[in-house]
Amino acid sequence: MNVLLHYDAGPALKDRLGALPGLDVRFVAEGDDAALMAALPETEVLWHVLQPCTAAVIAAAPRLKLIQKIGVGVNTIDLEAAKARGIAVCNLPGANARAVAEMALLLMLACLRRLPHFDAGLRAGRWGAAPAVQDRLGELGGKTVGLVGFGAVPQVLAPVLAALGCRVIYTATAPKNVPFEYRDLNALLAEADVVSLHVPQTADTAGMIGAAALARMKPGAVLVNTARGGLVDEPALVEALQSGQLGAAGLDVFAQEPTPAGNPLFALENVVVAPHVAWVTGGTFERSFATAAENVRLLAAGEALLNRVA
């Protein structure tokens, strides 16, 4: 079966996927639109990562039977266009949970310990911590960490935070049977020293962290986002960081991706950034493509697909 991975895969990943039995896997890097359009007419299965899978992309693939999201969030797929063609859409819940949980923890620590400041300073020949910087350094232990959402990633992250001495609170669509305290969103924002976002971007959640939500947060609190950039009003976030309402932000995702080099967030010393790579590890690849390959086998056999969302 003809499979197209729309992602800039490294040599080791290409070798691994190229050796999968029964699959003809081709590769097109995200951003190479000409190569994508050239490959789509023969594509039966699209392994989709982040660049939007639009109605135009779907229309250019007459043989397409399955769009397999390599990840969880399907907000980058035109689901209505897929449904109109009878194309199945599946995702991979939990496959990247450990990787994203670890990145969220990394961003929390990097914000509290001002790691980018020290990294840049030492490379420039500056040793030690200036007194003004020392006053802004913090520890994660003893902090109240609020998790917005309690899906696969928070289920990995929350016990780790508790083991580090954090008090973990969470909000979700309903309380869960977990050993952590439930709060509604407004109460969580007011109580947490660190707020970490772990919900999908939908019509209900887009822009959920705007000026009003940021104003509810504790002065000097830290915001971490490894979910979707559209959850946060970026101009309001810049203002909160500049005013001191927020102490820091750790961001792996942005409202526009790739985000422009002139993004005002990049000019702020209390912001730690990464280019939507929280999910990218060898472990994520191994788990994700094992399930993706199984779904291709199930499709060819006419059997029910795993994790079908449309």
C-alpha atoms as a PDB file:
ATOM      1  CA  MET A   1       0.000   0.000   0.000  1.00  0.00           C
ATOM      2  CA  ASN A   2       1.300   3.472  -0.912  1.00  0.00           C
ATOM      3  CA  VAL A   3       1.984   5.490   2.249  1.00  0.00           C
ATOM      4  CA  LEU A   4       3.183   9.099   2.353  1.00  0.00           C
ATOM      5  CA  LEU A   5       4.833  10.506   5.476  1.00  0.00           C
ATOM      6  CA  HIS A   6       4.462  14.291   5.326  1.00  0.00           C
ATOM      7  CA  TYR A   7       7.343  15.155   7.639  1.00  0.00           C
ATOM      8  CA  ASP A   8      11.050  15.933   7.423  1.00  0.00           C
ATOM      9  CA  ALA A   9      12.207  12.530   8.643  1.00  0.00           C
ATOM     10  CA  GLY A  10      15.813  11.857   9.565  1.00  0.00           C
ATOM     11  CA  PRO A  11      17.886   9.105   7.932  1.00  0.00           C
ATOM     12  CA  ALA A  12      17.395   6.584  10.753  1.00  0.00           C
ATOM     13  CA  LEU A  13      13.618   7.014  10.711  1.00  0.00           C
ATOM     14  CA  LYS A  14      13.530   6.706   6.921  1.00  0.00           C
ATOM     15  CA  ASP A  15      15.519   3.473   7.091  1.00  0.00           C
ATOM     16  CA  ARG A  16      13.228   2.084   9.799  1.00  0.00           C
ATOM     17  CA  LEU A  17      10.017   2.935   7.956  1.00  0.00           C
ATOM     18  CA  GLY A  18      11.406   1.875   4.595  1.00  0.00           C
ATOM     19  CA  ALA A  19      11.949  -1.616   5.984  1.00  0.00           C
ATOM     20  CA  LEU A  20       8.323  -2.084   7.087  1.00  0.00           C
ATOM     21  CA  PRO A  21       6.907  -5.146   5.285  1.00  0.00           C
ATOM     22  CA  GLY A  22       4.082  -4.640   2.826  1.00  0.00           C
ATOM     23  CA  LEU A  23       4.366  -0.845   2.765  1.00  0.00           C
ATOM     24  CA  ASP A  24       5.741   1.499   0.131  1.00  0.00           C
ATOM     25  CA  VAL A  25       6.583   4.484   2.316  1.00  0.00           C
ATOM     26  CA  ARG A  26       7.541   7.740   0.641  1.00  0.00           C
ATOM     27  CA  PHE A  27       8.666  10.932   2.338  1.00  0.00           C
ATOM     28  CA  VAL A  28       7.890  14.598   1.704  1.00  0.00           C
ATOM     29  CA  ALA A  29       9.180  17.295   4.035  1.00  0.00           C
ATOM     30  CA  GLU A  30       6.676  19.734   5.474  1.00  0.00           C
ATOM     31  CA  GLY A  31       6.900  22.987   3.543  1.00  0.00           C
ATOM     32  CA  ASP A  32       7.776  21.313   0.225  1.00  0.00           C
ATOM     33  CA  ASP A  33       4.355  21.918  -1.299  1.00  0.00           C
ATOM     34  CA  ALA A  34       5.397  21.066  -4.850  1.00  0.00           C
ATOM     35  CA  ALA A  35       6.678  17.634  -3.815  1.00  0.00           C
ATOM     36  CA  LEU A  36       3.544  17.042  -1.768  1.00  0.00           C
ATOM     37  CA  MET A  37       1.227  17.790  -4.663  1.00  0.00           C
ATOM     38  CA  ALA A  38       3.303  15.572  -6.929  1.00  0.00           C
ATOM     39  CA  ALA A  39       3.087  12.652  -4.501  1.00  0.00           C
ATOM     40  CA  LEU A  40      -0.571  12.880  -3.518  1.00  0.00           C
ATOM     41  CA  PRO A  41      -2.202  11.347  -6.649  1.00  0.00           C
ATOM     42  CA  GLU A  42      -0.716   7.918  -5.825  1.00  0.00           C
ATOM     43  CA  THR A  43      -1.121   8.171  -2.052  1.00  0.00           C
ATOM     44  CA  GLU A  44      -3.489   5.734  -0.359  1.00  0.00           C
ATOM     45  CA  VAL A  45      -2.502   6.504   3.249  1.00  0.00           C
ATOM     46  CA  LEU A  46      -1.278   9.879   4.467  1.00  0.00           C
ATOM     47  CA  TRP A  47       0.749   9.921   7.669  1.00  0.00           C
ATOM     48  CA  HIS A  48       0.087  13.497   8.746  1.00  0.00           C
ATOM     49  CA  VAL A  49       2.074  15.421  11.364  1.00  0.00           C
ATOM     50  CA  LEU A  50       1.541  19.188  11.642  1.00  0.00           C
ATOM     51  CA  GLN A  51       1.325  21.058   8.329  1.00  0.00           C
ATOM     52  CA  PRO A  52      -2.436  21.484   7.743  1.00  0.00           C
ATOM     53  CA  CYS A  53      -4.143  18.747   5.785  1.00  0.00           C
ATOM     54  CA  THR A  54      -6.584  21.005   3.966  1.00  0.00           C
ATOM     55  CA  ALA A  55      -9.492  20.331   1.652  1.00  0.00           C
ATOM     56  CA  ALA A  56      -7.155  21.117  -1.256  1.00  0.00           C
ATOM     57  CA  VAL A  57      -4.655  18.496  -0.066  1.00  0.00           C
ATOM     58  CA  ILE A  58      -7.417  15.918   0.269  1.00  0.00           C
ATOM     59  CA  ALA A  59      -8.836  16.787  -3.171  1.00  0.00           C
ATOM     60  CA  ALA A  60      -5.399  16.238  -4.729  1.00  0.00           C
ATOM     61  CA  ALA A  61      -5.328  12.627  -3.466  1.00  0.00           C
ATOM     62  CA  PRO A  62      -8.023  10.674  -5.367  1.00  0.00           C
ATOM     63  CA  ARG A  63      -6.838   7.286  -4.015  1.00  0.00           C
ATOM     64  CA  LEU A  64      -6.659   8.409  -0.378  1.00  0.00           C
ATOM     65  CA  LYS A  65      -8.358   6.033   2.089  1.00  0.00           C
ATOM     66  CA  LEU A  66      -6.825   6.950   5.446  1.00  0.00           C
ATOM     67  CA  ILE A  67      -5.373  10.060   7.080  1.00  0.00           C
ATOM     68  CA  GLN A  68      -3.343   8.858  10.043  1.00  0.00           C
ATOM     69  CA  LYS A  69      -2.434  11.619  12.466  1.00  0.00           C
ATOM     70  CA  ILE A  70       1.027  11.052  13.930  1.00  0.00           C
ATOM     71  CA  GLY A  71       0.057  12.548  17.253  1.00  0.00           C
ATOM     72  CA  VAL A  72      -3.210  13.352  18.976  1.00  0.00           C
ATOM     73  CA  GLY A  73      -4.710  16.699  17.943  1.00  0.00           C
ATOM     74  CA  VAL A  74      -6.673  16.588  14.679  1.00  0.00           C
ATOM     75  CA  ASN A  75      -7.329  20.346  14.477  1.00  0.00           C
ATOM     76  CA  THR A  76      -4.883  20.489  11.533  1.00  0.00           C
ATOM     77  CA  ILE A  77      -7.054  18.139   9.428  1.00  0.00           C
ATOM     78  CA  ASP A  78     -10.124  19.250   7.480  1.00  0.00           C
ATOM     79  CA  LEU A  79     -12.373  16.581   8.955  1.00  0.00           C
ATOM     80  CA  GLU A  80     -15.426  17.636   6.960  1.00  0.00           C
ATOM     81  CA  ALA A  81     -13.549  17.272   3.674  1.00  0.00           C
ATOM     82  CA  ALA A  82     -12.358  13.828   4.753  1.00  0.00           C
ATOM     83  CA  LYS A  83     -15.852  12.748   5.790  1.00  0.00           C
ATOM     84  CA  ALA A  84     -17.307  13.953   2.484  1.00  0.00           C
ATOM     85  CA  ARG A  85     -14.951  11.588   0.670  1.00  0.00           C
ATOM     86  CA  GLY A  86     -15.407   8.707   3.115  1.00  0.00           C
ATOM     87  CA  ILE A  87     -11.750   8.916   4.138  1.00  0.00           C
ATOM     88  CA  ALA A  88     -11.004   7.532   7.587  1.00  0.00           C
ATOM     89  CA  VAL A  89      -9.144   9.724  10.079  1.00  0.00           C
ATOM     90  CA  CYS A  90      -7.278   8.167  13.012  1.00  0.00           C
ATOM     91  CA  ASN A  91      -4.976   9.517  15.710  1.00  0.00           C
ATOM     92  CA  LEU A  92      -2.531   8.089  18.242  1.00  0.00           C
ATOM     93  CA  PRO A  93      -3.618   8.942  21.780  1.00  0.00           C
ATOM     94  CA  GLY A  94      -0.899   8.336  24.342  1.00  0.00           C
ATOM     95  CA  ALA A  95       1.900   7.600  21.881  1.00  0.00           C
ATOM     96  CA  ASN A  96       3.733  10.835  22.645  1.00  0.00           C
ATOM     97  CA  ALA A  97       2.564  11.245  26.245  1.00  0.00           C
ATOM     98  CA  ARG A  98       5.882  10.500  27.941  1.00  0.00           C
ATOM     99  CA  ALA A  99       7.850  12.737  25.595  1.00  0.00           C
ATOM    100  CA  VAL A 100       5.459  15.677  25.995  1.00  0.00           C
ATOM    101  CA  ALA A 101       5.263  15.213  29.771  1.00  0.00           C
ATOM    102  CA  GLU A 102       9.046  15.331  29.993  1.00  0.00           C
ATOM    103  CA  MET A 103       9.174  18.490  27.856  1.00  0.00           C
ATOM    104  CA  ALA A 104       6.554  20.171  30.021  1.00  0.00           C
ATOM    105  CA  LEU A 105       8.673  19.368  33.078  1.00  0.00           C
ATOM    106  CA  LEU A 106      11.786  20.630  31.290  1.00  0.00           C
ATOM    107  CA  LEU A 107      10.100  23.941  30.439  1.00  0.00           C
ATOM    108  CA  MET A 108       8.910  24.401  34.023  1.00  0.00           C
ATOM    109  CA  LEU A 109      12.418  23.893  35.356  1.00  0.00           C
ATOM    110  CA  ALA A 110      14.060  26.019  32.653  1.00  0.00           C
ATOM    111  CA  CYS A 111      11.707  28.899  33.450  1.00  0.00           C
ATOM    112  CA  LEU A 112      12.199  28.710  37.207  1.00  0.00           C
ATOM    113  CA  ARG A 113      15.981  28.345  36.961  1.00  0.00           C
ATOM    114  CA  ARG A 114      16.397  30.830  34.053  1.00  0.00           C
ATOM    115  CA  LEU A 115      18.395  28.289  32.099  1.00  0.00           C
ATOM    116  CA  PRO A 116      18.474  30.205  28.779  1.00  0.00           C
ATOM    117  CA  HIS A 117      19.882  33.258  30.604  1.00  0.00           C
ATOM    118  CA  PHE A 118      22.742  31.258  32.106  1.00  0.00           C
ATOM    119  CA  ASP A 119      23.420  29.305  28.915  1.00  0.00           C
ATOM    120  CA  ALA A 120      23.702  32.494  26.835  1.00  0.00           C
ATOM    121  CA  GLY A 121      25.707  34.286  29.522  1.00  0.00           C
ATOM    122  CA  LEU A 122      28.301  31.572  29.959  1.00  0.00           C
ATOM    123  CA  ARG A 123      28.783  31.262  26.202  1.00  0.00           C
ATOM    124  CA  ALA A 124      29.412  35.032  26.174  1.00  0.00           C
ATOM    125  CA  GLY A 125      31.981  34.781  28.963  1.00  0.00           C
ATOM    126  CA  ARG A 126      29.803  35.781  31.941  1.00  0.00           C
ATOM    127  CA  TRP A 127      30.242  33.646  35.065  1.00  0.00           C
ATOM    128  CA  GLY A 128      27.841  33.355  37.983  1.00  0.00           C
ATOM    129  CA  ALA A 129      24.434  34.892  38.670  1.00  0.00           C
ATOM    130  CA  ALA A 130      23.932  38.622  39.095  1.00  0.00           C
ATOM    131  CA  PRO A 131      22.145  39.576  42.334  1.00  0.00           C
ATOM    132  CA  ALA A 132      19.023  40.722  40.477  1.00  0.00           C
ATOM    133  CA  VAL A 133      18.851  37.382  38.664  1.00  0.00           C
ATOM    134  CA  GLN A 134      19.378  35.414  41.878  1.00  0.00           C
ATOM    135  CA  ASP A 135      16.245  37.005  43.293  1.00  0.00           C
ATOM    136  CA  ARG A 136      14.166  35.514  40.465  1.00  0.00           C
ATOM    137  CA  LEU A 137      15.388  31.914  40.677  1.00  0.00           C
ATOM    138  CA  GLY A 138      12.944  29.328  41.966  1.00  0.00           C
ATOM    139  CA  GLU A 139      12.499  25.655  42.751  1.00  0.00           C
ATOM    140  CA  LEU A 140       9.700  23.453  41.503  1.00  0.00           C
ATOM    141  CA  GLY A 141       9.445  21.528  44.764  1.00  0.00           C
ATOM    142  CA  GLY A 142       6.907  23.135  47.069  1.00  0.00           C
ATOM    143  CA  LYS A 143       5.040  24.826  44.214  1.00  0.00           C
ATOM    144  CA  THR A 144       1.387  24.286  43.362  1.00  0.00           C
ATOM    145  CA  VAL A 145       1.209  23.099  39.746  1.00  0.00           C
ATOM    146  CA  GLY A 146      -2.114  23.366  37.935  1.00  0.00           C
ATOM    147  CA  LEU A 147      -2.708  21.010  35.010  1.00  0.00           C
ATOM    148  CA  VAL A 148      -5.349  22.190  32.556  1.00  0.00           C
ATOM    149  CA  GLY A 149      -6.721  18.921  31.220  1.00  0.00           C
ATOM    150  CA  PHE A 150      -6.054  15.441  32.566  1.00  0.00           C
ATOM    151  CA  GLY A 151      -5.512  13.180  29.577  1.00  0.00           C
ATOM    152  CA  ALA A 152      -2.554  10.966  28.721  1.00  0.00           C
ATOM    153  CA  VAL A 153       0.169  13.591  29.229  1.00  0.00           C
ATOM    154  CA  PRO A 154      -0.948  14.820  32.698  1.00  0.00           C
ATOM    155  CA  GLN A 155      -1.396  11.205  33.796  1.00  0.00           C
ATOM    156  CA  VAL A 156       2.349  10.738  33.213  1.00  0.00           C
ATOM    157  CA  LEU A 157       3.364  14.174  34.467  1.00  0.00           C
ATOM    158  CA  ALA A 158       1.326  14.496  37.674  1.00  0.00           C
ATOM    159  CA  PRO A 159       3.003  11.649  39.625  1.00  0.00           C
ATOM    160  CA  VAL A 160       6.436  12.969  38.643  1.00  0.00           C
ATOM    161  CA  LEU A 161       5.540  16.429  39.910  1.00  0.00           C
ATOM    162  CA  ALA A 162       4.215  14.947  43.141  1.00  0.00           C
ATOM    163  CA  ALA A 163       7.443  12.988  43.594  1.00  0.00           C
ATOM    164  CA  LEU A 164       9.376  16.270  43.240  1.00  0.00           C
ATOM    165  CA  GLY A 165       7.389  17.743  46.107  1.00  0.00           C
ATOM    166  CA  CYS A 166       4.768  19.680  44.139  1.00  0.00           C
ATOM    167  CA  ARG A 167       1.141  20.006  45.096  1.00  0.00           C
ATOM    168  CA  VAL A 168      -0.784  19.040  41.955  1.00  0.00           C
ATOM    169  CA  ILE A 169      -4.227  20.383  41.124  1.00  0.00           C
ATOM    170  CA  TYR A 170      -6.078  19.917  37.852  1.00  0.00           C
ATOM    171  CA  THR A 171      -9.115  20.871  35.848  1.00  0.00           C
ATOM    172  CA  ALA A 172     -10.924  18.778  33.265  1.00  0.00           C
ATOM    173  CA  THR A 173     -14.394  18.338  31.819  1.00  0.00           C
ATOM    174  CA  ALA A 174     -15.242  16.386  34.985  1.00  0.00           C
ATOM    175  CA  PRO A 175     -13.394  15.236  38.123  1.00  0.00           C
ATOM    176  CA  LYS A 176     -11.325  12.072  37.701  1.00  0.00           C
ATOM    177  CA  ASN A 177     -10.632   9.190  40.068  1.00  0.00           C
ATOM    178  CA  VAL A 178      -7.059  10.377  40.712  1.00  0.00           C
ATOM    179  CA  PRO A 179      -5.165  11.342  43.894  1.00  0.00           C
ATOM    180  CA  PHE A 180      -5.026  15.027  42.929  1.00  0.00           C
ATOM    181  CA  GLU A 181      -7.342  17.923  43.709  1.00  0.00           C
ATOM    182  CA  TYR A 182      -9.906  19.064  41.141  1.00  0.00           C
ATOM    183  CA  ARG A 183     -10.594  22.749  40.543  1.00  0.00           C
ATOM    184  CA  ASP A 184     -12.600  24.642  37.958  1.00  0.00           C
ATOM    185  CA  LEU A 185     -10.419  26.639  35.582  1.00  0.00           C
ATOM    186  CA  ASN A 186     -10.802  29.996  37.308  1.00  0.00           C
ATOM    187  CA  ALA A 187      -9.939  28.564  40.712  1.00  0.00           C
ATOM    188  CA  LEU A 188      -6.944  26.697  39.286  1.00  0.00           C
ATOM    189  CA  LEU A 189      -5.574  29.838  37.627  1.00  0.00           C
ATOM    190  CA  ALA A 190      -5.831  31.777  40.883  1.00  0.00           C
ATOM    191  CA  GLU A 191      -4.205  29.061  42.994  1.00  0.00           C
ATOM    192  CA  ALA A 192      -1.368  27.640  40.880  1.00  0.00           C
ATOM    193  CA  ASP A 193       2.235  28.835  40.867  1.00  0.00           C
ATOM    194  CA  VAL A 194       2.738  27.000  37.561  1.00  0.00           C
ATOM    195  CA  VAL A 195      -0.047  26.433  35.009  1.00  0.00           C
ATOM    196  CA  SER A 196       0.532  23.805  32.310  1.00  0.00           C
ATOM    197  CA  LEU A 197      -1.857  23.385  29.343  1.00  0.00           C
ATOM    198  CA  HIS A 198      -2.861  19.900  28.151  1.00  0.00           C
ATOM    199  CA  VAL A 199      -6.130  20.234  26.207  1.00  0.00           C
ATOM    200  CA  PRO A 200      -6.882  19.999  22.478  1.00  0.00           C
ATOM    201  CA  GLN A 201      -7.602  23.124  20.474  1.00  0.00           C
ATOM    202  CA  THR A 202     -11.313  23.250  19.669  1.00  0.00           C
ATOM    203  CA  ALA A 203     -13.906  25.956  19.187  1.00  0.00           C
ATOM    204  CA  ASP A 204     -14.429  25.894  22.968  1.00  0.00           C
ATOM    205  CA  THR A 205     -10.764  26.036  24.002  1.00  0.00           C
ATOM    206  CA  ALA A 206      -9.274  28.406  21.392  1.00  0.00           C
ATOM    207  CA  GLY A 207      -8.072  31.549  23.170  1.00  0.00           C
ATOM    208  CA  MET A 208      -9.003  30.173  26.593  1.00  0.00           C
ATOM    209  CA  ILE A 209      -5.906  31.793  28.125  1.00  0.00           C
ATOM    210  CA  GLY A 210      -6.588  35.419  27.254  1.00  0.00           C
ATOM    211  CA  ALA A 211      -6.194  38.695  29.113  1.00  0.00           C
ATOM    212  CA  ALA A 212      -8.865  37.855  31.712  1.00  0.00           C
ATOM    213  CA  ALA A 213      -7.398  34.405  32.433  1.00  0.00           C
ATOM    214  CA  LEU A 214      -3.872  35.796  32.697  1.00  0.00           C
ATOM    215  CA  ALA A 215      -5.081  38.478  35.121  1.00  0.00           C
ATOM    216  CA  ARG A 216      -6.539  35.739  37.356  1.00  0.00           C
ATOM    217  CA  MET A 217      -3.169  34.006  37.667  1.00  0.00           C
ATOM    218  CA  LYS A 218      -0.966  34.598  40.681  1.00  0.00           C
ATOM    219  CA  PRO A 219       1.503  37.469  40.183  1.00  0.00           C
ATOM    220  CA  GLY A 220       4.807  35.950  39.083  1.00  0.00           C
ATOM    221  CA  ALA A 221       3.269  32.615  38.040  1.00  0.00           C
ATOM    222  CA  VAL A 222       4.671  30.520  35.203  1.00  0.00           C
ATOM    223  CA  LEU A 223       2.662  29.415  32.144  1.00  0.00           C
ATOM    224  CA  VAL A 224       3.740  26.321  30.179  1.00  0.00           C
ATOM    225  CA  ASN A 225       2.160  25.311  26.876  1.00  0.00           C
ATOM    226  CA  THR A 226       3.032  22.054  25.113  1.00  0.00           C
ATOM    227  CA  ALA A 227      -0.490  21.572  23.713  1.00  0.00           C
ATOM    228  CA  ARG A 228      -1.550  24.021  20.978  1.00  0.00           C
ATOM    229  CA  GLY A 229      -0.544  27.634  20.438  1.00  0.00           C
ATOM    230  CA  GLY A 230      -4.091  28.737  19.702  1.00  0.00           C
ATOM    231  CA  LEU A 231      -5.090  28.107  23.315  1.00  0.00           C
ATOM    232  CA  VAL A 232      -3.264  31.305  24.292  1.00  0.00           C
ATOM    233  CA  ASP A 233      -3.825  34.931  23.236  1.00  0.00           C
ATOM    234  CA  GLU A 234      -0.206  35.752  22.393  1.00  0.00           C
ATOM    235  CA  PRO A 235      -0.451  39.597  22.530  1.00  0.00           C
ATOM    236  CA  ALA A 236      -2.083  39.305  25.965  1.00  0.00           C
ATOM    237  CA  LEU A 237       0.658  36.902  27.034  1.00  0.00           C
ATOM    238  CA  VAL A 238       3.368  39.347  25.922  1.00  0.00           C
ATOM    239  CA  GLU A 239       1.713  42.105  27.932  1.00  0.00           C
ATOM    240  CA  ALA A 240       1.443  39.914  31.048  1.00  0.00           C
ATOM    241  CA  LEU A 241       5.104  38.927  30.799  1.00  0.00           C
ATOM    242  CA  GLN A 242       6.248  42.515  30.264  1.00  0.00           C
ATOM    243  CA  SER A 243       4.191  43.856  33.167  1.00  0.00           C
ATOM    244  CA  GLY A 244       5.401  41.214  35.606  1.00  0.00           C
ATOM    245  CA  GLN A 245       1.931  39.700  36.060  1.00  0.00           C
ATOM    246  CA  LEU A 246       3.551  36.490  34.812  1.00  0.00           C
ATOM    247  CA  GLY A 247       7.045  35.586  35.928  1.00  0.00           C
ATOM    248  CA  ALA A 248       7.859  33.405  32.912  1.00  0.00           C
ATOM    249  CA  ALA A 249       6.444  31.277  30.112  1.00  0.00           C
ATOM    250  CA  GLY A 250       7.697  28.048  28.583  1.00  0.00           C
ATOM    251  CA  LEU A 251       6.319  27.540  25.083  1.00  0.00           C
ATOM    252  CA  ASP A 252       6.681  24.681  22.614  1.00  0.00           C
ATOM    253  CA  VAL A 253       3.705  25.790  20.496  1.00  0.00           C
ATOM    254  CA  PHE A 254       2.574  29.046  18.918  1.00  0.00           C
ATOM    255  CA  ALA A 255      -0.503  30.597  17.338  1.00  0.00           C
ATOM    256  CA  GLN A 256       1.222  30.625  13.944  1.00  0.00           C
ATOM    257  CA  GLU A 257       3.544  27.770  13.037  1.00  0.00           C
ATOM    258  CA  PRO A 258       6.246  28.094  11.907  1.00  0.00           C
ATOM    259  CA  THR A 259       6.179  31.246  13.997  1.00  0.00           C
ATOM    260  CA  PRO A 260       7.975  34.290  12.514  1.00  0.00           C
ATOM    261  CA  ALA A 261      11.441  35.194  13.790  1.00  0.00           C
ATOM    262  CA  GLY A 262      10.026  38.578  14.812  1.00  0.00           C
ATOM    263  CA  ASN A 263       7.525  37.107  17.283  1.00  0.00           C
ATOM    264  CA  PRO A 264       7.534  39.575  20.243  1.00  0.00           C
ATOM    265  CA  LEU A 265       7.793  36.647  22.658  1.00  0.00           C
ATOM    266  CA  PHE A 266      11.323  35.986  21.416  1.00  0.00           C
ATOM    267  CA  ALA A 267      12.494  39.370  22.668  1.00  0.00           C
ATOM    268  CA  LEU A 268      11.543  38.605  26.296  1.00  0.00           C
ATOM    269  CA  GLU A 269      14.206  37.189  28.597  1.00  0.00           C
ATOM    270  CA  ASN A 270      11.608  35.467  30.776  1.00  0.00           C
ATOM    271  CA  VAL A 271      10.390  33.224  27.947  1.00  0.00           C
ATOM    272  CA  VAL A 272      11.780  29.758  27.108  1.00  0.00           C
ATOM    273  CA  VAL A 273      10.869  28.498  23.633  1.00  0.00           C
ATOM    274  CA  ALA A 274      11.086  25.376  21.466  1.00  0.00           C
ATOM    275  CA  PRO A 275       9.787  24.787  17.905  1.00  0.00           C
ATOM    276  CA  HIS A 276       6.915  22.313  18.570  1.00  0.00           C
ATOM    277  CA  VAL A 277       9.281  19.424  19.265  1.00  0.00           C
ATOM    278  CA  ALA A 278       7.931  18.209  22.626  1.00  0.00           C
ATOM    279  CA  TRP A 279       6.676  15.039  20.981  1.00  0.00           C
ATOM    280  CA  VAL A 280       9.845  14.294  18.972  1.00  0.00           C
ATOM    281  CA  THR A 281      11.786  11.400  20.508  1.00  0.00           C
ATOM    282  CA  GLY A 282      12.848   7.962  19.349  1.00  0.00           C
ATOM    283  CA  GLY A 283      10.344   6.449  21.770  1.00  0.00           C
ATOM    284  CA  THR A 284       7.484   8.468  20.271  1.00  0.00           C
ATOM    285  CA  PHE A 285       8.484   7.402  16.768  1.00  0.00           C
ATOM    286  CA  GLU A 286       8.652   3.741  17.750  1.00  0.00           C
ATOM    287  CA  ARG A 287       5.234   3.742  19.415  1.00  0.00           C
ATOM    288  CA  SER A 288       3.577   5.938  16.796  1.00  0.00           C
ATOM    289  CA  PHE A 289       4.682   4.165  13.661  1.00  0.00           C
ATOM    290  CA  ALA A 290       4.028   0.714  15.098  1.00  0.00           C
ATOM    291  CA  THR A 291       0.367   1.691  15.484  1.00  0.00           C
ATOM    292  CA  ALA A 292       0.301   3.610  12.195  1.00  0.00           C
ATOM    293  CA  ALA A 293       1.636   0.556  10.347  1.00  0.00           C
ATOM    294  CA  GLU A 294      -0.927  -1.672  12.083  1.00  0.00           C
ATOM    295  CA  ASN A 295      -3.708   0.623  10.899  1.00  0.00           C
ATOM    296  CA  VAL A 296      -2.468   0.275   7.316  1.00  0.00           C
ATOM    297  CA  ARG A 297      -2.608  -3.504   7.720  1.00  0.00           C
ATOM    298  CA  LEU A 298      -6.132  -3.283   9.156  1.00  0.00           C
ATOM    299  CA  LEU A 299      -7.216  -0.998   6.323  1.00  0.00           C
ATOM    300  CA  ALA A 300      -5.929  -3.443   3.697  1.00  0.00           C
ATOM    301  CA  ALA A 301      -7.723  -6.301   5.477  1.00  0.00           C
ATOM    302  CA  GLY A 302     -10.986  -4.393   5.702  1.00  0.00           C
ATOM    303  CA  GLU A 303     -10.953  -4.533   9.502  1.00  0.00           C
ATOM    304  CA  ALA A 304     -11.850  -1.891  12.091  1.00  0.00           C
ATOM    305  CA  LEU A 305      -9.162   0.762  12.513  1.00  0.00           C
ATOM    306  CA  LEU A 306      -7.513   1.749  15.781  1.00  0.00           C
ATOM    307  CA  ASN A 307      -8.349   5.145  17.315  1.00  0.00           C
ATOM    308  CA  ARG A 308     -10.655   6.254  14.523  1.00  0.00           C
ATOM    309  CA  VAL A 309     -11.953   9.792  15.077  1.00  0.00           C
ATOM    310  CA  ALA A 310     -13.788  10.342  11.770  1.00  0.00           C
END
